[in-house]
Amino acid sequence: MFNKATMTKTPCETCPANAQLAQMGLKLEKFDRVVALAGNPNTGKSTVFNALTGLKQHTGNWPGKTVTRAEGGYEFNSISYKIVDLPGTYSLLSASEDEEVARNFILFGQPDCTIVVTDATALERNLNLVLQVMEITNSVVVAVNLMDEARRKGLEIDVRSLSRDLGVPAVPMAARSGEGIQTLLGTVAEVCEGTINTKPLRVSGTPAFQQAVSQLAGQIQQVYPGVPNARWLAIRLLDGDARVQEALLNGEIAELVAGQRRAEVQFSRKMAVQGRQ
């Protein structure tokens, strides 16, 4: 939440986003912002995580899953960040438990920013995941890692053009040597604060497709008011995503939305009490 007096983010155990994160096993008492770290395997994602957190990290499993979760923390400009290292995946289409965990965290955990780590030597292959993440959230930073390897291979990466085309900031890095880490920290902070206005590239499709997505998204919002990104859910349903269909039919989505509503009521009551003091 934002404190109106200071216009800075402060931790709040009763905020709706915190309720979702708590269901995912995260506790946020000592952190102001939450950052997700996504990426394909072998992009140096763990190296970026270690560079950001140092030794302030621990591992465990996601609730009800055998998938490992790594969490860490760092501070930048007097703001505390919790960073969650998501499983390395090639997509978010929930073909595996790893993909489902990563997708659910970005969608329902609603992190303040999602960093997608890419390999500068195989950038085109990595962009599939970047585009999928950008379909879910606007708050994205692309970390173009392994720039040192790209230079050794004679590859030139126009990061500025990449950022312009994607509509989100792209940061050149070589995490092993610390190159670009400070720029990444500053960029993530600016995205969280809204200083950087992102406009993620999204596939619009044909007019008929857009109309179908709009109609279905409206129906989803009617059944599940407050559900995050009904447009994305509609696209997945139209694409025949069996896992999303199952979650909508078996009440899984309803449980997540209900948890968010309960948190909103608790938060409203707390603010009302504080307002009377």
Foldseek 3Di string as FASTA:
>chain_A
DADVVVRAFDDDCLALLNLLVVLFVDDDNPARFEEEEEEAPPLCSVLLVCLAFPPQKDKDDGVPDPDMKIWGWHDDPNHIYIYIYQDHDQALLPPDPSSVSSNCCVQLSVGLAYEYRGELVPRVSTVRRVQRSVLRDQRYEYEHEPVVVCVVVVHDDPQVVVCVVQQAHYFYYHSVVPGRSVVVVVRSVCSSSVVRPGDGDHDCDDPVVNVQLVVQLVVLCVVQPPRGPSSSLSVSVVVVSVVSVCCSPVCVSVVSSVSSVVSVVVVVVVVVVVVVD
